[in-house]
């Protein structure tokens, strides 16, 4: 839980007493590897903060293949923001990649948290701004870069993902087949 406190301190200042109150709005969840937290078609009621481990968000495309759209490692948030904010059915699933420990909060508790601790409005605004900026960059990279350039860029920017995440999930995230990703990696090694 100290990691959540450290993460908050990058954006806002809270006393120990305020932190104790803030964290009381969350539930702690221990998640097994490959455990589903949310399934496509369910009402998206929760957002998750990764204390330890890794989660991913994905959908099943028209060919029946899982398409990973997002990863969340330590100190990152994940949810289907559109469905969460509207409390509607999600078109994504969220699953653990590794055994993970997460903090979860539903919209009602989040609203109560924001009422009691207005400083958390600033925190969530800053988190959403960073997430939005990252999404904008990713969209541009998908348009501008070749598949090989995209992999090199991703592996340079996030080398720890290459070590932690199975290759087939990295391929899914980069919209490649696992076989094509293997070819790219072999080419880069030679």
Protein backbone atom coordinates (compact mmCIF):
# COMPACT_ATOMS: atom_id res chain seq x y z
CA UNK A 1 0.00 0.00 0.00
CA UNK A 2 2.98 2.29 0.48
CA UNK A 3 3.36 2.28 -3.31
CA UNK A 4 -0.08 3.89 -3.65
CA UNK A 5 0.90 6.56 -1.14
CA UNK A 6 4.14 7.20 -3.04
CA UNK A 7 2.21 7.37 -6.29
CA UNK A 8 -0.26 9.90 -4.88
CA UNK A 9 2.63 12.06 -3.63
CA UNK A 10 3.84 12.50 -7.22
CA UNK A 11 0.65 14.45 -7.92
CA UNK A 12 -0.78 15.75 -4.63
CA UNK A 13 0.16 16.29 -1.00
CA UNK A 14 -1.77 14.40 1.67
CA UNK A 15 -1.10 13.88 5.35
CA UNK A 16 -0.83 10.39 6.85
CA UNK A 17 -4.29 10.85 8.31
CA UNK A 18 -5.75 11.90 4.94
CA UNK A 19 -4.04 8.96 3.24
CA UNK A 20 -5.56 6.51 5.75
CA UNK A 21 -8.97 7.95 4.96
CA UNK A 22 -8.37 7.96 1.18
CA UNK A 23 -7.25 4.34 1.06
CA UNK A 24 -10.29 3.29 3.11
CA UNK A 25 -12.45 3.98 0.03
CA UNK A 26 -10.69 1.18 -1.87
CA UNK A 27 -10.87 -2.58 -1.65
CA UNK A 28 -7.72 -4.69 -1.92
CA UNK A 29 -7.95 -7.59 -4.32
CA UNK A 30 -5.51 -10.47 -4.75
CA UNK A 31 -5.70 -11.63 -8.38
CA UNK A 32 -4.40 -14.92 -9.72
CA UNK A 33 -2.57 -15.13 -13.05
CA UNK A 34 -5.05 -15.11 -16.00
CA UNK A 35 -7.97 -14.28 -13.67
CA UNK A 36 -10.66 -12.17 -15.32
CA UNK A 37 -11.67 -9.03 -13.45
CA UNK A 38 -14.18 -7.81 -16.02
CA UNK A 39 -15.69 -9.67 -18.97
CA UNK A 40 -16.96 -8.15 -22.19
CA UNK A 41 -20.71 -7.56 -21.89
CA UNK A 42 -20.68 -6.92 -18.12
CA UNK A 43 -21.49 -3.53 -16.60
CA UNK A 44 -18.14 -1.86 -15.94
CA UNK A 45 -18.48 -0.92 -12.27
CA UNK A 46 -14.87 -0.74 -11.17
CA UNK A 47 -11.50 0.82 -11.88
CA UNK A 48 -8.27 -0.80 -10.76
CA UNK A 49 -4.94 0.51 -9.50
CA UNK A 50 -2.11 -2.01 -9.81
CA UNK A 51 -0.09 -2.26 -6.60
CA UNK A 52 1.85 -5.30 -7.80
CA UNK A 53 1.67 -7.30 -11.00
CA UNK A 54 0.23 -6.66 -14.44
CA UNK A 55 -3.26 -6.46 -15.95
CA UNK A 56 -4.36 -6.14 -19.55
CA UNK A 57 -7.45 -4.89 -21.36
CA UNK A 58 -8.54 -6.65 -24.54
CA UNK A 59 -11.41 -7.40 -26.87
CA UNK A 60 -12.17 -10.25 -29.25
CA UNK A 61 -11.93 -9.01 -32.86
CA UNK A 62 -14.09 -10.06 -35.80
CA UNK A 63 -11.74 -12.98 -36.51
CA UNK A 64 -12.19 -14.28 -32.95
CA UNK A 65 -8.68 -13.23 -31.94
CA UNK A 66 -7.88 -11.42 -28.67
CA UNK A 67 -6.68 -7.87 -29.32
CA UNK A 68 -4.85 -6.33 -26.35
CA UNK A 69 -5.34 -2.57 -26.17
CA UNK A 70 -3.73 -1.70 -22.85
CA UNK A 71 -1.45 -3.00 -20.12
CA UNK A 72 -1.26 -1.76 -16.54
CA UNK A 73 1.73 -2.48 -14.34
CA UNK A 74 2.62 -1.15 -10.90
CA UNK A 75 1.22 2.34 -10.24
CA UNK A 76 -0.98 2.34 -13.36
CA UNK A 77 -4.78 2.46 -13.53
CA UNK A 78 -6.97 0.39 -15.82
CA UNK A 79 -10.68 0.26 -16.66
CA UNK A 80 -12.95 0.76 -19.64
CA UNK A 81 -13.23 4.49 -18.95
CA UNK A 82 -16.18 5.05 -21.30
CA UNK A 83 -18.25 2.22 -19.78
CA UNK A 84 -17.13 2.99 -16.21
CA UNK A 85 -18.11 6.66 -16.37
CA UNK A 86 -21.53 5.74 -17.81
CA UNK A 87 -21.98 2.51 -15.83
CA UNK A 88 -22.81 0.57 -18.99
CA UNK A 89 -21.77 -2.75 -20.51
CA UNK A 90 -18.14 -2.88 -21.50
CA UNK A 91 -16.87 -4.07 -24.85
CA UNK A 92 -13.56 -5.10 -23.25
CA UNK A 93 -12.32 -7.70 -20.81
CA UNK A 94 -9.69 -7.04 -18.13
CA UNK A 95 -7.47 -9.93 -17.08
CA UNK A 96 -4.35 -10.41 -14.99
CA UNK A 97 -1.16 -11.25 -16.85
CA UNK A 98 0.67 -12.06 -13.61
CA UNK A 99 -0.37 -12.78 -10.05
CA UNK A 100 -1.34 -9.26 -9.00
CA UNK A 101 -2.46 -7.13 -6.10
CA UNK A 102 -4.83 -4.31 -6.98
CA UNK A 103 -6.84 -1.57 -5.34
CA UNK A 104 -10.34 -1.29 -6.72
CA UNK A 105 -12.97 1.38 -6.43
CA UNK A 106 -16.45 1.68 -7.88
CA UNK A 107 -18.01 4.90 -9.16
CA UNK A 108 -20.18 5.48 -6.09
CA UNK A 109 -17.22 5.11 -3.71
CA UNK A 110 -15.09 7.27 -6.01
CA UNK A 111 -17.69 10.05 -5.86
CA UNK A 112 -17.76 9.77 -2.05
CA UNK A 113 -13.95 9.92 -2.03
CA UNK A 114 -13.96 13.07 -4.16
CA UNK A 115 -16.53 14.71 -1.89
CA UNK A 116 -14.53 13.98 1.24
CA UNK A 117 -11.09 14.64 -0.30
CA UNK A 118 -11.38 17.26 -3.07
CA UNK A 119 -7.62 17.07 -3.64
CA UNK A 120 -8.29 13.70 -5.28
CA UNK A 121 -10.08 15.57 -8.10
CA UNK A 122 -6.70 17.06 -9.00
CA UNK A 123 -5.05 13.64 -8.73
CA UNK A 124 -7.55 11.94 -11.05
CA UNK A 125 -7.47 14.86 -13.49
CA UNK A 126 -3.70 14.59 -13.76
CA UNK A 127 -3.84 10.80 -14.16
CA UNK A 128 -6.48 11.10 -16.91
CA UNK A 129 -4.48 13.81 -18.68
CA UNK A 130 -1.40 11.60 -18.77
CA UNK A 131 -3.41 8.60 -19.94
CA UNK A 132 -5.05 10.65 -22.68
CA UNK A 133 -1.69 12.01 -23.85
CA UNK A 134 -0.25 8.48 -23.95
CA UNK A 135 -3.25 7.28 -25.99
CA UNK A 136 -2.79 10.16 -28.45
CA UNK A 137 0.88 9.27 -28.93
CA UNK A 138 0.07 5.58 -29.40
CA UNK A 139 -2.48 6.38 -32.11
CA UNK A 140 0.06 8.51 -33.93
CA UNK A 141 2.70 5.77 -33.70
CA UNK A 142 0.22 3.23 -35.11
CA UNK A 143 -0.33 5.48 -38.14
CA UNK A 144 3.25 6.61 -38.71
CA UNK A 145 5.48 3.67 -37.88
CA UNK A 146 6.10 0.42 -39.65
CA UNK A 147 5.43 -2.70 -37.59
CA UNK A 148 9.18 -3.14 -37.05
CA UNK A 149 9.63 0.50 -35.98
CA UNK A 150 6.66 0.14 -33.64
CA UNK A 151 8.24 -2.88 -31.93
CA UNK A 152 11.65 -1.19 -31.64
CA UNK A 153 10.03 1.94 -30.23
CA UNK A 154 7.93 -0.06 -27.76
CA UNK A 155 10.86 -2.22 -26.62
CA UNK A 156 13.06 0.87 -26.17
CA UNK A 157 10.41 2.83 -24.29
CA UNK A 158 9.22 -0.10 -22.15
CA UNK A 159 12.07 -2.65 -21.92
CA UNK A 160 10.58 -4.17 -18.76
CA UNK A 161 7.49 -5.20 -20.73
CA UNK A 162 9.63 -7.30 -23.06
CA UNK A 163 10.97 -9.17 -20.02
CA UNK A 164 7.66 -9.57 -18.18
CA UNK A 165 4.92 -9.95 -20.76
CA UNK A 166 4.54 -13.07 -22.91
CA UNK A 167 5.49 -12.46 -26.55
CA UNK A 168 2.02 -13.37 -27.85
CA UNK A 169 0.50 -10.57 -25.70
CA UNK A 170 3.08 -8.04 -26.92
CA UNK A 171 2.22 -9.11 -30.47
CA UNK A 172 -1.48 -8.64 -29.72
CA UNK A 173 -0.83 -5.16 -28.30
CA UNK A 174 1.20 -4.14 -31.37
CA UNK A 175 -1.40 -5.66 -33.72
CA UNK A 176 1.03 -8.29 -35.00
CA UNK A 177 0.82 -12.04 -35.22
CA UNK A 178 3.16 -13.84 -32.80
CA UNK A 179 4.92 -15.35 -35.82
CA UNK A 180 5.56 -11.95 -37.39
CA UNK A 181 6.86 -10.60 -34.08
CA UNK A 182 9.26 -13.57 -33.92
CA UNK A 183 10.49 -12.69 -37.42
CA UNK A 184 11.04 -9.06 -36.40
CA UNK A 185 12.93 -10.08 -33.26
CA UNK A 186 15.10 -12.55 -35.22
CA UNK A 187 15.88 -9.90 -37.83
CA UNK A 188 16.87 -7.40 -35.14
CA UNK A 189 19.16 -9.94 -33.44
CA UNK A 190 21.05 -10.69 -36.67
